[in-house]
Amino acid sequence: MMRKNPDTADSFSKMLISVLVHDLRQPFASLISAADMIKYADHPLSEEELYMIFDHMRHTASKSIKLLDGLVFWMKSQNSGYTCQTQSLPLRDLINSANGLYIHDQASKSISISNTIPEHQLIHANKEMLQFINRNILSNATKYSPPGGTINISCSVEDARIIVAFADQGMGIREEQLERLFSIQDTPVLDSHYLQGAGIALSICQDMIRQMNGKLWAESAYGHGATFFYSLPLPA
């Protein structure tokens, strides 16, 4: 788990508040904008138009709730005496469920999902933590994928560990950023092109995967997309 001295803890708290403000202000602004479309429409909206607006509002609210749920769960995991409980879970179903929050955004950009994980593949993990990780990776992949792009999701087994990969076709991440992508102290230096505001979430994902005896990393050749990986031990 993360062990922070008072100065680091204070800095981390400030960054956490900053991210909450950034990540929650935008959804609220989106909800207000959608409500204004209904309230101030210059003509009666059709049933189809209302459905589209309410569907957008639902997706926006759902993503915000899941973000908060994940952060609350993680903060509880920082308490002394917390024990990370793991179980065998259906990996393909978990990823499909996590991606359900981003189908609306993917459809608006004509992004395709290619999930080649076998239907009965199991992974040994804490469900809440793993879904927080899956959602963050899928959120970033969706945000930075180009229109018409594809997000490829696959897995492999090596040395008694399962490795899960999420590859997008965006611009990718510069080499100097890869080295500090998951570091709390360095998250403010990420440039505006890739993952700005998401660094703290990736740091939390890194802590979660470590609590499950796993590993989280990324590979990228700038200009040619990025691939995020995590690995977890297979049950004995």
C-alpha atoms as a PDB file:
ATOM      1  CA  MET A   1       0.000   0.000   0.000  1.00  0.00           C
ATOM      2  CA  MET A   2       0.978   3.645  -0.310  1.00  0.00           C
ATOM      3  CA  ARG A   3       2.794   4.878   2.801  1.00  0.00           C
ATOM      4  CA  LYS A   4       3.121   8.660   2.800  1.00  0.00           C
ATOM      5  CA  ASN A   5       4.932  11.090   5.082  1.00  0.00           C
ATOM      6  CA  PRO A   6       2.902  14.174   6.173  1.00  0.00           C
ATOM      7  CA  ASP A   7       4.209  16.401   3.335  1.00  0.00           C
ATOM      8  CA  THR A   8       3.532  13.782   0.683  1.00  0.00           C
ATOM      9  CA  ALA A   9       0.119  13.020   2.178  1.00  0.00           C
ATOM     10  CA  ASP A  10      -0.802  16.719   2.089  1.00  0.00           C
ATOM     11  CA  SER A  11       0.335  17.002  -1.534  1.00  0.00           C
ATOM     12  CA  PHE A  12      -1.563  13.847  -2.422  1.00  0.00           C
ATOM     13  CA  SER A  13      -4.736  15.131  -0.734  1.00  0.00           C
ATOM     14  CA  LYS A  14      -4.534  18.364  -2.715  1.00  0.00           C
ATOM     15  CA  MET A  15      -4.100  16.431  -5.971  1.00  0.00           C
ATOM     16  CA  LEU A  16      -6.999  14.148  -5.095  1.00  0.00           C
ATOM     17  CA  ILE A  17      -9.247  17.145  -4.471  1.00  0.00           C
ATOM     18  CA  SER A  18      -8.063  18.707  -7.732  1.00  0.00           C
ATOM     19  CA  VAL A  19      -8.910  15.576  -9.691  1.00  0.00           C
ATOM     20  CA  LEU A  20     -12.323  15.272  -8.043  1.00  0.00           C
ATOM     21  CA  VAL A  21     -13.066  18.873  -8.969  1.00  0.00           C
ATOM     22  CA  HIS A  22     -11.846  18.292 -12.531  1.00  0.00           C
ATOM     23  CA  ASP A  23     -13.545  14.946 -13.080  1.00  0.00           C
ATOM     24  CA  LEU A  24     -16.850  15.837 -11.421  1.00  0.00           C
ATOM     25  CA  ARG A  25     -17.211  19.424 -12.621  1.00  0.00           C
ATOM     26  CA  GLN A  26     -17.322  18.335 -16.251  1.00  0.00           C
ATOM     27  CA  PRO A  27     -20.102  15.738 -15.756  1.00  0.00           C
ATOM     28  CA  PHE A  28     -22.184  18.210 -13.760  1.00  0.00           C
ATOM     29  CA  ALA A  29     -21.707  20.836 -16.463  1.00  0.00           C
ATOM     30  CA  SER A  30     -22.778  18.255 -19.041  1.00  0.00           C
ATOM     31  CA  LEU A  31     -25.903  17.389 -17.039  1.00  0.00           C
ATOM     32  CA  ILE A  32     -26.810  21.073 -16.691  1.00  0.00           C
ATOM     33  CA  SER A  33     -26.312  21.585 -20.410  1.00  0.00           C
ATOM     34  CA  ALA A  34     -28.577  18.640 -21.213  1.00  0.00           C
ATOM     35  CA  ALA A  35     -31.255  19.900 -18.816  1.00  0.00           C
ATOM     36  CA  ASP A  36     -31.077  23.357 -20.429  1.00  0.00           C
ATOM     37  CA  MET A  37     -31.615  21.779 -23.841  1.00  0.00           C
ATOM     38  CA  ILE A  38     -34.932  20.433 -22.583  1.00  0.00           C
ATOM     39  CA  LYS A  39     -35.936  23.520 -20.600  1.00  0.00           C
ATOM     40  CA  TYR A  40     -35.121  26.132 -23.241  1.00  0.00           C
ATOM     41  CA  ALA A  41     -35.874  24.215 -26.442  1.00  0.00           C
ATOM     42  CA  ASP A  42     -37.549  26.490 -29.008  1.00  0.00           C
ATOM     43  CA  HIS A  43     -39.813  23.654 -30.100  1.00  0.00           C
ATOM     44  CA  PRO A  44     -41.352  20.578 -28.445  1.00  0.00           C
ATOM     45  CA  LEU A  45     -38.749  17.833 -28.430  1.00  0.00           C
ATOM     46  CA  SER A  46     -39.610  14.551 -30.065  1.00  0.00           C
ATOM     47  CA  GLU A  47     -39.627  11.286 -28.135  1.00  0.00           C
ATOM     48  CA  GLU A  48     -36.431  10.267 -29.919  1.00  0.00           C
ATOM     49  CA  GLU A  49     -34.685  13.539 -29.016  1.00  0.00           C
ATOM     50  CA  LEU A  50     -35.723  13.218 -25.364  1.00  0.00           C
ATOM     51  CA  TYR A  51     -34.515   9.619 -25.273  1.00  0.00           C
ATOM     52  CA  MET A  52     -31.102  10.635 -26.611  1.00  0.00           C
ATOM     53  CA  ILE A  53     -30.759  13.455 -24.066  1.00  0.00           C
ATOM     54  CA  PHE A  54     -31.809  11.308 -21.109  1.00  0.00           C
ATOM     55  CA  ASP A  55     -29.581   8.452 -22.273  1.00  0.00           C
ATOM     56  CA  HIS A  56     -26.637  10.841 -22.362  1.00  0.00           C
ATOM     57  CA  MET A  57     -27.492  12.140 -18.879  1.00  0.00           C
ATOM     58  CA  ARG A  58     -27.704   8.582 -17.532  1.00  0.00           C
ATOM     59  CA  HIS A  59     -24.301   7.640 -18.942  1.00  0.00           C
ATOM     60  CA  THR A  60     -22.735  10.809 -17.558  1.00  0.00           C
ATOM     61  CA  ALA A  61     -24.164  10.237 -14.076  1.00  0.00           C
ATOM     62  CA  SER A  62     -23.205   6.532 -14.107  1.00  0.00           C
ATOM     63  CA  LYS A  63     -19.545   7.291 -14.859  1.00  0.00           C
ATOM     64  CA  SER A  64     -19.389   9.839 -12.036  1.00  0.00           C
ATOM     65  CA  ILE A  65     -20.934   7.429  -9.535  1.00  0.00           C
ATOM     66  CA  LYS A  66     -18.508   4.651 -10.476  1.00  0.00           C
ATOM     67  CA  LEU A  67     -15.578   7.051 -10.103  1.00  0.00           C
ATOM     68  CA  LEU A  68     -16.704   8.026  -6.617  1.00  0.00           C
ATOM     69  CA  ASP A  69     -17.407   4.413  -5.635  1.00  0.00           C
ATOM     70  CA  GLY A  70     -13.914   3.403  -6.691  1.00  0.00           C
ATOM     71  CA  LEU A  71     -12.243   6.244  -4.822  1.00  0.00           C
ATOM     72  CA  VAL A  72     -14.224   5.546  -1.637  1.00  0.00           C
ATOM     73  CA  PHE A  73     -13.353   1.838  -1.823  1.00  0.00           C
ATOM     74  CA  TRP A  74      -9.679   2.658  -2.337  1.00  0.00           C
ATOM     75  CA  MET A  75      -9.611   5.079   0.602  1.00  0.00           C
ATOM     76  CA  LYS A  76     -11.079   2.345   2.812  1.00  0.00           C
ATOM     77  CA  SER A  77      -8.292   0.033   1.645  1.00  0.00           C
ATOM     78  CA  GLN A  78      -5.730   2.482   3.062  1.00  0.00           C
ATOM     79  CA  ASN A  79      -6.924   1.871   6.619  1.00  0.00           C
ATOM     80  CA  SER A  80      -4.652  -0.206   8.806  1.00  0.00           C
ATOM     81  CA  GLY A  81      -5.944  -3.728   9.210  1.00  0.00           C
ATOM     82  CA  TYR A  82      -7.558  -3.826   5.774  1.00  0.00           C
ATOM     83  CA  THR A  83      -7.173  -7.173   4.027  1.00  0.00           C
ATOM     84  CA  CYS A  84      -7.596  -7.402   0.275  1.00  0.00           C
ATOM     85  CA  GLN A  85     -10.096 -10.189  -0.434  1.00  0.00           C
ATOM     86  CA  THR A  86      -9.745 -11.901  -3.824  1.00  0.00           C
ATOM     87  CA  GLN A  87     -11.781 -14.478  -5.717  1.00  0.00           C
ATOM     88  CA  SER A  88     -11.950 -16.137  -9.125  1.00  0.00           C
ATOM     89  CA  LEU A  89     -13.889 -13.933 -11.555  1.00  0.00           C
ATOM     90  CA  PRO A  90     -14.928 -14.184 -15.246  1.00  0.00           C
ATOM     91  CA  LEU A  91     -12.512 -11.768 -16.939  1.00  0.00           C
ATOM     92  CA  ARG A  92     -14.349 -11.258 -20.242  1.00  0.00           C
ATOM     93  CA  ASP A  93     -17.632 -10.470 -18.470  1.00  0.00           C
ATOM     94  CA  LEU A  94     -15.904  -8.009 -16.120  1.00  0.00           C
ATOM     95  CA  ILE A  95     -14.354  -6.086 -18.996  1.00  0.00           C
ATOM     96  CA  ASN A  96     -17.612  -6.017 -20.948  1.00  0.00           C
ATOM     97  CA  SER A  97     -19.375  -4.711 -17.844  1.00  0.00           C
ATOM     98  CA  ALA A  98     -16.708  -2.052 -17.236  1.00  0.00           C
ATOM     99  CA  ASN A  99     -16.893  -0.973 -20.873  1.00  0.00           C
ATOM    100  CA  GLY A 100     -20.665  -0.520 -20.610  1.00  0.00           C
ATOM    101  CA  LEU A 101     -20.014   2.946 -19.156  1.00  0.00           C
ATOM    102  CA  TYR A 102     -18.225   4.045 -22.328  1.00  0.00           C
ATOM    103  CA  ILE A 103     -20.408   2.580 -25.088  1.00  0.00           C
ATOM    104  CA  HIS A 104     -22.120   5.948 -25.572  1.00  0.00           C
ATOM    105  CA  ASP A 105     -18.784   7.771 -25.960  1.00  0.00           C
ATOM    106  CA  GLN A 106     -17.408   5.055 -28.234  1.00  0.00           C
ATOM    107  CA  ALA A 107     -20.480   5.146 -30.460  1.00  0.00           C
ATOM    108  CA  SER A 108     -20.196   8.921 -30.849  1.00  0.00           C
ATOM    109  CA  LYS A 109     -16.647   8.439 -32.203  1.00  0.00           C
ATOM    110  CA  SER A 110     -17.376   5.188 -34.101  1.00  0.00           C
ATOM    111  CA  ILE A 111     -14.831   3.342 -31.939  1.00  0.00           C
ATOM    112  CA  SER A 112     -14.898  -0.452 -32.102  1.00  0.00           C
ATOM    113  CA  ILE A 113     -14.054  -2.854 -29.281  1.00  0.00           C
ATOM    114  CA  SER A 114     -12.278  -6.119 -30.059  1.00  0.00           C
ATOM    115  CA  ASN A 115     -12.378  -8.315 -26.960  1.00  0.00           C
ATOM    116  CA  THR A 116     -10.603 -11.605 -27.734  1.00  0.00           C
ATOM    117  CA  ILE A 117     -10.463 -12.846 -24.139  1.00  0.00           C
ATOM    118  CA  PRO A 118     -11.869 -16.405 -24.001  1.00  0.00           C
ATOM    119  CA  GLU A 119     -15.402 -16.579 -22.648  1.00  0.00           C
ATOM    120  CA  HIS A 120     -14.520 -18.837 -19.716  1.00  0.00           C
ATOM    121  CA  GLN A 121     -11.201 -17.219 -18.770  1.00  0.00           C
ATOM    122  CA  LEU A 122     -10.999 -16.643 -15.009  1.00  0.00           C
ATOM    123  CA  ILE A 123      -8.882 -14.116 -13.132  1.00  0.00           C
ATOM    124  CA  HIS A 124      -8.144 -14.116  -9.401  1.00  0.00           C
ATOM    125  CA  ALA A 125      -8.700 -10.603  -8.054  1.00  0.00           C
ATOM    126  CA  ASN A 126     -10.679  -8.247  -5.864  1.00  0.00           C
ATOM    127  CA  LYS A 127     -13.697  -7.349  -7.989  1.00  0.00           C
ATOM    128  CA  GLU A 128     -14.057  -3.699  -6.900  1.00  0.00           C
ATOM    129  CA  MET A 129     -10.373  -2.982  -7.402  1.00  0.00           C
ATOM    130  CA  LEU A 130     -10.145  -4.761 -10.736  1.00  0.00           C
ATOM    131  CA  GLN A 131     -13.187  -2.953 -12.107  1.00  0.00           C
ATOM    132  CA  PHE A 132     -11.777   0.420 -11.037  1.00  0.00           C
ATOM    133  CA  ILE A 133      -8.627  -0.457 -13.001  1.00  0.00           C
ATOM    134  CA  ASN A 134     -10.566  -1.741 -16.030  1.00  0.00           C
ATOM    135  CA  ARG A 135     -12.767   1.354 -16.116  1.00  0.00           C
ATOM    136  CA  ASN A 136      -9.835   3.760 -15.917  1.00  0.00           C
ATOM    137  CA  ILE A 137      -7.924   2.022 -18.693  1.00  0.00           C
ATOM    138  CA  LEU A 138     -11.006   1.838 -20.923  1.00  0.00           C
ATOM    139  CA  SER A 139     -11.879   5.463 -20.179  1.00  0.00           C
ATOM    140  CA  ASN A 140      -8.453   6.659 -21.297  1.00  0.00           C
ATOM    141  CA  ALA A 141      -8.407   4.373 -24.328  1.00  0.00           C
ATOM    142  CA  THR A 142     -11.810   5.731 -25.393  1.00  0.00           C
ATOM    143  CA  LYS A 143     -10.842   9.354 -24.784  1.00  0.00           C
ATOM    144  CA  TYR A 144      -7.619   9.180 -26.782  1.00  0.00           C
ATOM    145  CA  SER A 145      -8.684   6.827 -29.575  1.00  0.00           C
ATOM    146  CA  PRO A 146      -9.194   8.512 -32.940  1.00  0.00           C
ATOM    147  CA  PRO A 147     -12.625   8.493 -34.614  1.00  0.00           C
ATOM    148  CA  GLY A 148     -13.127   5.094 -36.238  1.00  0.00           C
ATOM    149  CA  GLY A 149     -10.378   3.522 -34.139  1.00  0.00           C
ATOM    150  CA  THR A 150     -10.345   0.124 -32.461  1.00  0.00           C
ATOM    151  CA  ILE A 151      -9.518  -0.807 -28.883  1.00  0.00           C
ATOM    152  CA  ASN A 152      -8.078  -4.318 -28.779  1.00  0.00           C
ATOM    153  CA  ILE A 153      -8.336  -6.289 -25.535  1.00  0.00           C
ATOM    154  CA  SER A 154      -6.509  -9.589 -25.117  1.00  0.00           C
ATOM    155  CA  CYS A 155      -4.879 -11.810 -22.511  1.00  0.00           C
ATOM    156  CA  SER A 156      -2.112 -14.369 -22.224  1.00  0.00           C
ATOM    157  CA  VAL A 157      -0.668 -16.648 -19.544  1.00  0.00           C
ATOM    158  CA  GLU A 158       3.049 -16.557 -18.712  1.00  0.00           C
ATOM    159  CA  ASP A 159       4.921 -17.967 -15.722  1.00  0.00           C
ATOM    160  CA  ALA A 160       1.775 -18.699 -13.684  1.00  0.00           C
ATOM    161  CA  ARG A 161       0.464 -15.175 -14.267  1.00  0.00           C
ATOM    162  CA  ILE A 162      -2.305 -13.833 -16.482  1.00  0.00           C
ATOM    163  CA  ILE A 163      -1.461 -10.723 -18.491  1.00  0.00           C
ATOM    164  CA  VAL A 164      -4.279  -8.513 -19.792  1.00  0.00           C
ATOM    165  CA  ALA A 165      -3.605  -5.958 -22.548  1.00  0.00           C
ATOM    166  CA  PHE A 166      -5.624  -2.948 -23.755  1.00  0.00           C
ATOM    167  CA  ALA A 167      -4.249  -1.476 -27.002  1.00  0.00           C
ATOM    168  CA  ASP A 168      -5.560   1.746 -28.535  1.00  0.00           C
ATOM    169  CA  GLN A 169      -4.746   3.524 -31.807  1.00  0.00           C
ATOM    170  CA  GLY A 170      -4.274   7.017 -30.415  1.00  0.00           C
ATOM    171  CA  MET A 171      -1.144   9.179 -30.576  1.00  0.00           C
ATOM    172  CA  GLY A 172       0.435   7.309 -27.694  1.00  0.00           C
ATOM    173  CA  ILE A 173       2.637   8.450 -24.829  1.00  0.00           C
ATOM    174  CA  ARG A 174       6.060  10.049 -25.008  1.00  0.00           C
ATOM    175  CA  GLU A 175       8.949   8.022 -23.592  1.00  0.00           C
ATOM    176  CA  GLU A 176       9.689  10.503 -20.808  1.00  0.00           C
ATOM    177  CA  GLN A 177       6.061  10.318 -19.686  1.00  0.00           C
ATOM    178  CA  LEU A 178       5.997   6.519 -19.583  1.00  0.00           C
ATOM    179  CA  GLU A 179       8.700   6.519 -16.904  1.00  0.00           C
ATOM    180  CA  ARG A 180       6.566   8.510 -14.450  1.00  0.00           C
ATOM    181  CA  LEU A 181       3.058   7.754 -15.639  1.00  0.00           C
ATOM    182  CA  PHE A 182       2.036   5.959 -12.439  1.00  0.00           C
ATOM    183  CA  SER A 183       3.962   8.110  -9.957  1.00  0.00           C
ATOM    184  CA  ILE A 184       1.925  10.338  -7.651  1.00  0.00           C
ATOM    185  CA  GLN A 185       4.720  12.846  -7.233  1.00  0.00           C
ATOM    186  CA  ASP A 186       5.119  13.357 -10.967  1.00  0.00           C
ATOM    187  CA  THR A 187       1.510  13.419 -12.141  1.00  0.00           C
ATOM    188  CA  PRO A 188       1.367  17.251 -12.434  1.00  0.00           C
ATOM    189  CA  VAL A 189       4.138  17.209 -15.093  1.00  0.00           C
ATOM    190  CA  LEU A 190       2.125  15.201 -17.611  1.00  0.00           C
ATOM    191  CA  ASP A 191       1.467  17.393 -20.631  1.00  0.00           C
ATOM    192  CA  SER A 192      -2.004  18.306 -21.833  1.00  0.00           C
ATOM    193  CA  HIS A 193      -2.011  15.830 -24.716  1.00  0.00           C
ATOM    194  CA  TYR A 194      -2.245  12.522 -22.893  1.00  0.00           C
ATOM    195  CA  LEU A 195      -3.831  11.573 -19.583  1.00  0.00           C
ATOM    196  CA  GLN A 196      -3.819  15.025 -18.006  1.00  0.00           C
ATOM    197  CA  GLY A 197      -5.975  14.792 -14.881  1.00  0.00           C
ATOM    198  CA  ALA A 198      -5.857  10.996 -15.008  1.00  0.00           C
ATOM    199  CA  GLY A 199      -2.418  10.549 -13.433  1.00  0.00           C
ATOM    200  CA  ILE A 200      -3.766  10.340  -9.895  1.00  0.00           C
ATOM    201  CA  ALA A 201      -6.282   7.692 -10.973  1.00  0.00           C
ATOM    202  CA  LEU A 202      -3.473   5.665 -12.541  1.00  0.00           C
ATOM    203  CA  SER A 203      -1.484   5.990  -9.316  1.00  0.00           C
ATOM    204  CA  ILE A 204      -4.464   4.598  -7.419  1.00  0.00           C
ATOM    205  CA  CYS A 205      -4.770   1.785  -9.976  1.00  0.00           C
ATOM    206  CA  GLN A 206      -1.097   1.004  -9.396  1.00  0.00           C
ATOM    207  CA  ASP A 207      -1.668   0.785  -5.645  1.00  0.00           C
ATOM    208  CA  MET A 208      -4.716  -1.437  -6.123  1.00  0.00           C
ATOM    209  CA  ILE A 209      -2.892  -3.882  -8.394  1.00  0.00           C
ATOM    210  CA  ARG A 210      -0.014  -4.102  -5.900  1.00  0.00           C
ATOM    211  CA  GLN A 211      -2.457  -4.966  -3.132  1.00  0.00           C
ATOM    212  CA  MET A 212      -3.497  -7.927  -5.317  1.00  0.00           C
ATOM    213  CA  ASN A 213       0.181  -8.919  -5.871  1.00  0.00           C
ATOM    214  CA  GLY A 214      -0.025  -7.739  -9.460  1.00  0.00           C
ATOM    215  CA  LYS A 215       1.691  -5.298 -11.767  1.00  0.00           C
ATOM    216  CA  LEU A 216       0.463  -2.433 -13.976  1.00  0.00           C
ATOM    217  CA  TRP A 217       2.462  -0.845 -16.803  1.00  0.00           C
ATOM    218  CA  ALA A 218       2.197   0.749 -20.245  1.00  0.00           C
ATOM    219  CA  GLU A 219       4.101   0.559 -23.512  1.00  0.00           C
ATOM    220  CA  SER A 220       3.971   3.029 -26.369  1.00  0.00           C
ATOM    221  CA  ALA A 221       5.770   4.297 -29.438  1.00  0.00           C
ATOM    222  CA  TYR A 222       4.689   7.924 -29.720  1.00  0.00           C
ATOM    223  CA  GLY A 223       2.461   8.398 -32.731  1.00  0.00           C
ATOM    224  CA  HIS A 224       1.479   4.734 -32.819  1.00  0.00           C
ATOM    225  CA  GLY A 225      -0.934   4.225 -29.929  1.00  0.00           C
ATOM    226  CA  ALA A 226      -0.464   2.911 -26.416  1.00  0.00           C
ATOM    227  CA  THR A 227      -0.983  -0.441 -24.722  1.00  0.00           C
ATOM    228  CA  PHE A 228      -1.784  -0.745 -21.026  1.00  0.00           C
ATOM    229  CA  PHE A 229      -1.080  -4.046 -19.305  1.00  0.00           C
ATOM    230  CA  TYR A 230      -1.766  -5.557 -15.920  1.00  0.00           C
ATOM    231  CA  SER A 231      -0.775  -8.964 -14.636  1.00  0.00           C
ATOM    232  CA  LEU A 232      -2.046 -11.009 -11.713  1.00  0.00           C
ATOM    233  CA  PRO A 233      -0.966 -14.382 -10.334  1.00  0.00           C
ATOM    234  CA  LEU A 234      -3.038 -17.409 -11.244  1.00  0.00           C
ATOM    235  CA  PRO A 235      -4.554 -19.244  -8.265  1.00  0.00           C
ATOM    236  CA  ALA A 236      -2.367 -22.084  -6.993  1.00  0.00           C
END
